[in-house]
């Protein structure tokens, strides 16, 4: 953890995480939109704009708290190659899942307004992910590995009915 990150409050750290996710999503939509046409491209454009608006709102919220918003990266490594419309849709779903995860820290804060912001944004990104994927996820933003049973996992045996 950098000295800058250590000096941030929990709220500022959570806001910076959400901001980073929005910045990456805005970049990714700029790439994937070029591989879509018609309604898919229109949806990608609307989602791209939504991420830019959210990014700007988070930056302003950080400034209003006396924190400097972290700058976006010049470029981002995309998690999947994008050369087809199917790959573009897959990338959109992944970006939305990452945005959902980026807002997760906000819902754990004591500040009611920030919790509501996190919940609203997680809902919106989960809905966008479902739209791109064509299906919903059980726990949006939670990695599938967190749902797997590992060594030492608590299990319940079925009760005998008698």
C-alpha atoms as a PDB file:
ATOM      1  CA  UNK A   1       0.000   0.000   0.000  1.00  0.00           C
ATOM      2  CA  UNK A   2       1.387   3.399  -0.920  1.00  0.00           C
ATOM      3  CA  UNK A   3       1.789   6.191   1.615  1.00  0.00           C
ATOM      4  CA  UNK A   4      -0.960   8.079  -0.242  1.00  0.00           C
ATOM      5  CA  UNK A   5      -3.398   5.159   0.052  1.00  0.00           C
ATOM      6  CA  UNK A   6      -2.589   4.732   3.751  1.00  0.00           C
ATOM      7  CA  UNK A   7      -3.444   8.375   4.394  1.00  0.00           C
ATOM      8  CA  UNK A   8      -6.923   8.067   2.868  1.00  0.00           C
ATOM      9  CA  UNK A   9      -9.993   7.592   5.015  1.00  0.00           C
ATOM     10  CA  UNK A  10     -12.065   4.459   4.447  1.00  0.00           C
ATOM     11  CA  UNK A  11     -14.635   6.537   2.557  1.00  0.00           C
ATOM     12  CA  UNK A  12     -12.034   8.166   0.333  1.00  0.00           C
ATOM     13  CA  UNK A  13     -10.395   4.806  -0.350  1.00  0.00           C
ATOM     14  CA  UNK A  14     -13.766   3.286  -1.316  1.00  0.00           C
ATOM     15  CA  UNK A  15     -14.548   6.261  -3.549  1.00  0.00           C
ATOM     16  CA  UNK A  16     -11.135   5.957  -5.234  1.00  0.00           C
ATOM     17  CA  UNK A  17     -11.806   2.235  -5.888  1.00  0.00           C
ATOM     18  CA  UNK A  18     -15.144   3.046  -7.478  1.00  0.00           C
ATOM     19  CA  UNK A  19     -13.517   5.833  -9.500  1.00  0.00           C
ATOM     20  CA  UNK A  20     -10.815   3.482 -10.785  1.00  0.00           C
ATOM     21  CA  UNK A  21     -13.467   0.978 -11.879  1.00  0.00           C
ATOM     22  CA  UNK A  22     -15.430   3.697 -13.683  1.00  0.00           C
ATOM     23  CA  UNK A  23     -12.290   4.984 -15.417  1.00  0.00           C
ATOM     24  CA  UNK A  24     -11.418   1.483 -16.642  1.00  0.00           C
ATOM     25  CA  UNK A  25     -14.997   0.888 -17.804  1.00  0.00           C
ATOM     26  CA  UNK A  26     -15.070   4.149 -19.762  1.00  0.00           C
ATOM     27  CA  UNK A  27     -11.843   3.124 -21.496  1.00  0.00           C
ATOM     28  CA  UNK A  28     -13.099  -0.398 -22.207  1.00  0.00           C
ATOM     29  CA  UNK A  29     -16.379   0.794 -23.671  1.00  0.00           C
ATOM     30  CA  UNK A  30     -14.418   3.071 -25.975  1.00  0.00           C
ATOM     31  CA  UNK A  31     -12.702  -0.025 -27.346  1.00  0.00           C
ATOM     32  CA  UNK A  32     -15.617  -2.434 -27.471  1.00  0.00           C
ATOM     33  CA  UNK A  33     -18.075   0.018 -29.018  1.00  0.00           C
ATOM     34  CA  UNK A  34     -16.078  -0.026 -32.242  1.00  0.00           C
ATOM     35  CA  UNK A  35     -16.876  -3.738 -32.671  1.00  0.00           C
ATOM     36  CA  UNK A  36     -20.640  -3.388 -32.385  1.00  0.00           C
ATOM     37  CA  UNK A  37     -23.326  -2.106 -34.728  1.00  0.00           C
ATOM     38  CA  UNK A  38     -26.961  -1.115 -34.493  1.00  0.00           C
ATOM     39  CA  UNK A  39     -28.660  -1.616 -31.121  1.00  0.00           C
ATOM     40  CA  UNK A  40     -25.485  -3.092 -29.599  1.00  0.00           C
ATOM     41  CA  UNK A  41     -23.493  -0.010 -30.475  1.00  0.00           C
ATOM     42  CA  UNK A  42     -26.276   2.240 -29.182  1.00  0.00           C
ATOM     43  CA  UNK A  43     -26.318   0.328 -25.870  1.00  0.00           C
ATOM     44  CA  UNK A  44     -22.526   0.510 -25.628  1.00  0.00           C
ATOM     45  CA  UNK A  45     -22.611   4.259 -26.267  1.00  0.00           C
ATOM     46  CA  UNK A  46     -25.256   4.767 -23.568  1.00  0.00           C
ATOM     47  CA  UNK A  47     -23.243   2.676 -21.092  1.00  0.00           C
ATOM     48  CA  UNK A  48     -20.020   4.513 -22.018  1.00  0.00           C
ATOM     49  CA  UNK A  49     -21.720   7.838 -21.294  1.00  0.00           C
ATOM     50  CA  UNK A  50     -23.140   6.487 -18.012  1.00  0.00           C
ATOM     51  CA  UNK A  51     -19.631   5.508 -16.895  1.00  0.00           C
ATOM     52  CA  UNK A  52     -18.233   8.903 -17.854  1.00  0.00           C
ATOM     53  CA  UNK A  53     -20.974  10.651 -15.865  1.00  0.00           C
ATOM     54  CA  UNK A  54     -20.372   8.387 -12.846  1.00  0.00           C
ATOM     55  CA  UNK A  55     -16.623   8.922 -13.138  1.00  0.00           C
ATOM     56  CA  UNK A  56     -17.078  12.688 -13.122  1.00  0.00           C
ATOM     57  CA  UNK A  57     -19.518  12.562 -10.193  1.00  0.00           C
ATOM     58  CA  UNK A  58     -17.103  10.447  -8.149  1.00  0.00           C
ATOM     59  CA  UNK A  59     -14.241  12.828  -8.926  1.00  0.00           C
ATOM     60  CA  UNK A  60     -16.364  15.770  -7.775  1.00  0.00           C
ATOM     61  CA  UNK A  61     -17.420  13.909  -4.627  1.00  0.00           C
ATOM     62  CA  UNK A  62     -13.776  13.234  -3.787  1.00  0.00           C
ATOM     63  CA  UNK A  63     -12.875  16.890  -4.357  1.00  0.00           C
ATOM     64  CA  UNK A  64     -15.765  17.996  -2.123  1.00  0.00           C
ATOM     65  CA  UNK A  65     -14.200  15.862   0.629  1.00  0.00           C
ATOM     66  CA  UNK A  66     -10.820  17.505   0.135  1.00  0.00           C
ATOM     67  CA  UNK A  67      -9.276  14.513  -1.672  1.00  0.00           C
ATOM     68  CA  UNK A  68      -7.608  14.536  -5.055  1.00  0.00           C
ATOM     69  CA  UNK A  69      -9.201  12.026  -7.471  1.00  0.00           C
ATOM     70  CA  UNK A  70      -6.666   9.562  -8.847  1.00  0.00           C
ATOM     71  CA  UNK A  71      -5.938  10.131 -12.515  1.00  0.00           C
ATOM     72  CA  UNK A  72      -7.031   7.541 -15.046  1.00  0.00           C
ATOM     73  CA  UNK A  73      -4.383   5.390 -16.649  1.00  0.00           C
ATOM     74  CA  UNK A  74      -3.301   6.288 -20.174  1.00  0.00           C
ATOM     75  CA  UNK A  75      -4.314   2.783 -21.292  1.00  0.00           C
ATOM     76  CA  UNK A  76      -5.675  -0.371 -19.681  1.00  0.00           C
ATOM     77  CA  UNK A  77      -4.947  -4.044 -20.325  1.00  0.00           C
ATOM     78  CA  UNK A  78      -8.237  -5.547 -21.433  1.00  0.00           C
ATOM     79  CA  UNK A  79      -9.140  -8.886 -19.790  1.00  0.00           C
ATOM     80  CA  UNK A  80     -10.214 -10.407 -23.107  1.00  0.00           C
ATOM     81  CA  UNK A  81      -9.241  -9.708 -26.712  1.00  0.00           C
ATOM     82  CA  UNK A  82     -11.819  -7.745 -28.671  1.00  0.00           C
ATOM     83  CA  UNK A  83     -12.029  -8.426 -32.376  1.00  0.00           C
ATOM     84  CA  UNK A  84     -15.652  -9.551 -32.744  1.00  0.00           C
ATOM     85  CA  UNK A  85     -19.073  -8.455 -31.541  1.00  0.00           C
ATOM     86  CA  UNK A  86     -19.284 -11.504 -29.255  1.00  0.00           C
ATOM     87  CA  UNK A  87     -15.970 -10.586 -27.648  1.00  0.00           C
ATOM     88  CA  UNK A  88     -17.157  -6.992 -27.273  1.00  0.00           C
ATOM     89  CA  UNK A  89     -20.293  -8.159 -25.435  1.00  0.00           C
ATOM     90  CA  UNK A  90     -18.166 -10.391 -23.221  1.00  0.00           C
ATOM     91  CA  UNK A  91     -15.882  -7.493 -22.377  1.00  0.00           C
ATOM     92  CA  UNK A  92     -18.867  -5.285 -21.536  1.00  0.00           C
ATOM     93  CA  UNK A  93     -20.160  -7.889 -19.061  1.00  0.00           C
ATOM     94  CA  UNK A  94     -16.718  -8.206 -17.460  1.00  0.00           C
ATOM     95  CA  UNK A  95     -16.346  -4.429 -17.180  1.00  0.00           C
ATOM     96  CA  UNK A  96     -19.732  -4.175 -15.497  1.00  0.00           C
ATOM     97  CA  UNK A  97     -18.847  -6.947 -13.054  1.00  0.00           C
ATOM     98  CA  UNK A  98     -15.687  -5.051 -12.180  1.00  0.00           C
ATOM     99  CA  UNK A  99     -17.651  -1.831 -11.692  1.00  0.00           C
ATOM    100  CA  UNK A 100     -20.018  -3.689  -9.375  1.00  0.00           C
ATOM    101  CA  UNK A 101     -17.013  -4.911  -7.386  1.00  0.00           C
ATOM    102  CA  UNK A 102     -15.554  -1.389  -7.410  1.00  0.00           C
ATOM    103  CA  UNK A 103     -18.583  -0.046  -5.552  1.00  0.00           C
ATOM    104  CA  UNK A 104     -18.701  -2.884  -3.031  1.00  0.00           C
ATOM    105  CA  UNK A 105     -16.610  -1.052  -0.417  1.00  0.00           C
ATOM    106  CA  UNK A 106     -19.060   1.849  -0.376  1.00  0.00           C
ATOM    107  CA  UNK A 107     -21.934  -0.271   0.913  1.00  0.00           C
ATOM    108  CA  UNK A 108     -19.907  -1.207   3.996  1.00  0.00           C
ATOM    109  CA  UNK A 109     -19.388   2.392   5.124  1.00  0.00           C
ATOM    110  CA  UNK A 110     -21.234   4.090   7.986  1.00  0.00           C
ATOM    111  CA  UNK A 111     -22.132   7.108   5.801  1.00  0.00           C
ATOM    112  CA  UNK A 112     -25.711   6.483   4.654  1.00  0.00           C
ATOM    113  CA  UNK A 113     -25.401   8.586   1.500  1.00  0.00           C
ATOM    114  CA  UNK A 114     -22.286   6.687   0.390  1.00  0.00           C
ATOM    115  CA  UNK A 115     -23.941   3.337   1.154  1.00  0.00           C
ATOM    116  CA  UNK A 116     -26.928   4.361  -0.977  1.00  0.00           C
ATOM    117  CA  UNK A 117     -24.646   5.526  -3.777  1.00  0.00           C
ATOM    118  CA  UNK A 118     -22.810   2.204  -3.693  1.00  0.00           C
ATOM    119  CA  UNK A 119     -26.010   0.176  -3.699  1.00  0.00           C
ATOM    120  CA  UNK A 120     -27.530   2.198  -6.546  1.00  0.00           C
ATOM    121  CA  UNK A 121     -24.419   1.959  -8.684  1.00  0.00           C
ATOM    122  CA  UNK A 122     -23.977  -1.754  -7.969  1.00  0.00           C
ATOM    123  CA  UNK A 123     -27.575  -2.327  -9.034  1.00  0.00           C
ATOM    124  CA  UNK A 124     -27.092  -0.381 -12.259  1.00  0.00           C
ATOM    125  CA  UNK A 125     -23.852  -2.142 -13.198  1.00  0.00           C
ATOM    126  CA  UNK A 126     -25.299  -5.571 -12.327  1.00  0.00           C
ATOM    127  CA  UNK A 127     -28.279  -4.855 -14.594  1.00  0.00           C
ATOM    128  CA  UNK A 128     -25.979  -3.730 -17.408  1.00  0.00           C
ATOM    129  CA  UNK A 129     -23.845  -6.875 -16.950  1.00  0.00           C
ATOM    130  CA  UNK A 130     -26.945  -9.067 -17.120  1.00  0.00           C
ATOM    131  CA  UNK A 131     -28.030  -7.291 -20.277  1.00  0.00           C
ATOM    132  CA  UNK A 132     -24.684  -7.891 -21.963  1.00  0.00           C
ATOM    133  CA  UNK A 133     -24.367 -11.446 -20.683  1.00  0.00           C
ATOM    134  CA  UNK A 134     -27.983 -12.366 -21.346  1.00  0.00           C
ATOM    135  CA  UNK A 135     -28.336 -13.773 -17.826  1.00  0.00           C
ATOM    136  CA  UNK A 136     -28.082 -12.633 -14.243  1.00  0.00           C
ATOM    137  CA  UNK A 137     -25.385 -13.582 -11.747  1.00  0.00           C
ATOM    138  CA  UNK A 138     -26.193 -14.857  -8.247  1.00  0.00           C
ATOM    139  CA  UNK A 139     -23.845 -12.449  -6.490  1.00  0.00           C
ATOM    140  CA  UNK A 140     -22.800  -9.637  -8.875  1.00  0.00           C
ATOM    141  CA  UNK A 141     -19.335  -8.321  -8.131  1.00  0.00           C
ATOM    142  CA  UNK A 142     -18.338 -11.362  -6.074  1.00  0.00           C
ATOM    143  CA  UNK A 143     -15.757 -13.559  -7.795  1.00  0.00           C
ATOM    144  CA  UNK A 144     -16.941 -17.109  -8.487  1.00  0.00           C
ATOM    145  CA  UNK A 145     -13.965 -18.408  -6.494  1.00  0.00           C
ATOM    146  CA  UNK A 146     -15.533 -16.913  -3.360  1.00  0.00           C
ATOM    147  CA  UNK A 147     -18.512 -19.207  -3.821  1.00  0.00           C
ATOM    148  CA  UNK A 148     -16.479 -22.410  -4.119  1.00  0.00           C
ATOM    149  CA  UNK A 149     -16.160 -24.672  -1.129  1.00  0.00           C
ATOM    150  CA  UNK A 150     -12.591 -24.927   0.014  1.00  0.00           C
ATOM    151  CA  UNK A 151     -10.808 -26.843   2.747  1.00  0.00           C
ATOM    152  CA  UNK A 152     -12.359 -26.117   6.096  1.00  0.00           C
ATOM    153  CA  UNK A 153     -15.625 -24.859   4.616  1.00  0.00           C
ATOM    154  CA  UNK A 154     -18.557 -25.252   6.936  1.00  0.00           C
ATOM    155  CA  UNK A 155     -21.209 -27.561   5.577  1.00  0.00           C
ATOM    156  CA  UNK A 156     -24.503 -28.634   7.018  1.00  0.00           C
ATOM    157  CA  UNK A 157     -25.658 -32.192   6.916  1.00  0.00           C
ATOM    158  CA  UNK A 158     -29.312 -32.653   6.075  1.00  0.00           C
ATOM    159  CA  UNK A 159     -31.422 -33.289   9.141  1.00  0.00           C
ATOM    160  CA  UNK A 160     -33.140 -36.610   9.471  1.00  0.00           C
ATOM    161  CA  UNK A 161     -36.882 -36.222   9.490  1.00  0.00           C
ATOM    162  CA  UNK A 162     -38.606 -38.413  11.914  1.00  0.00           C
END
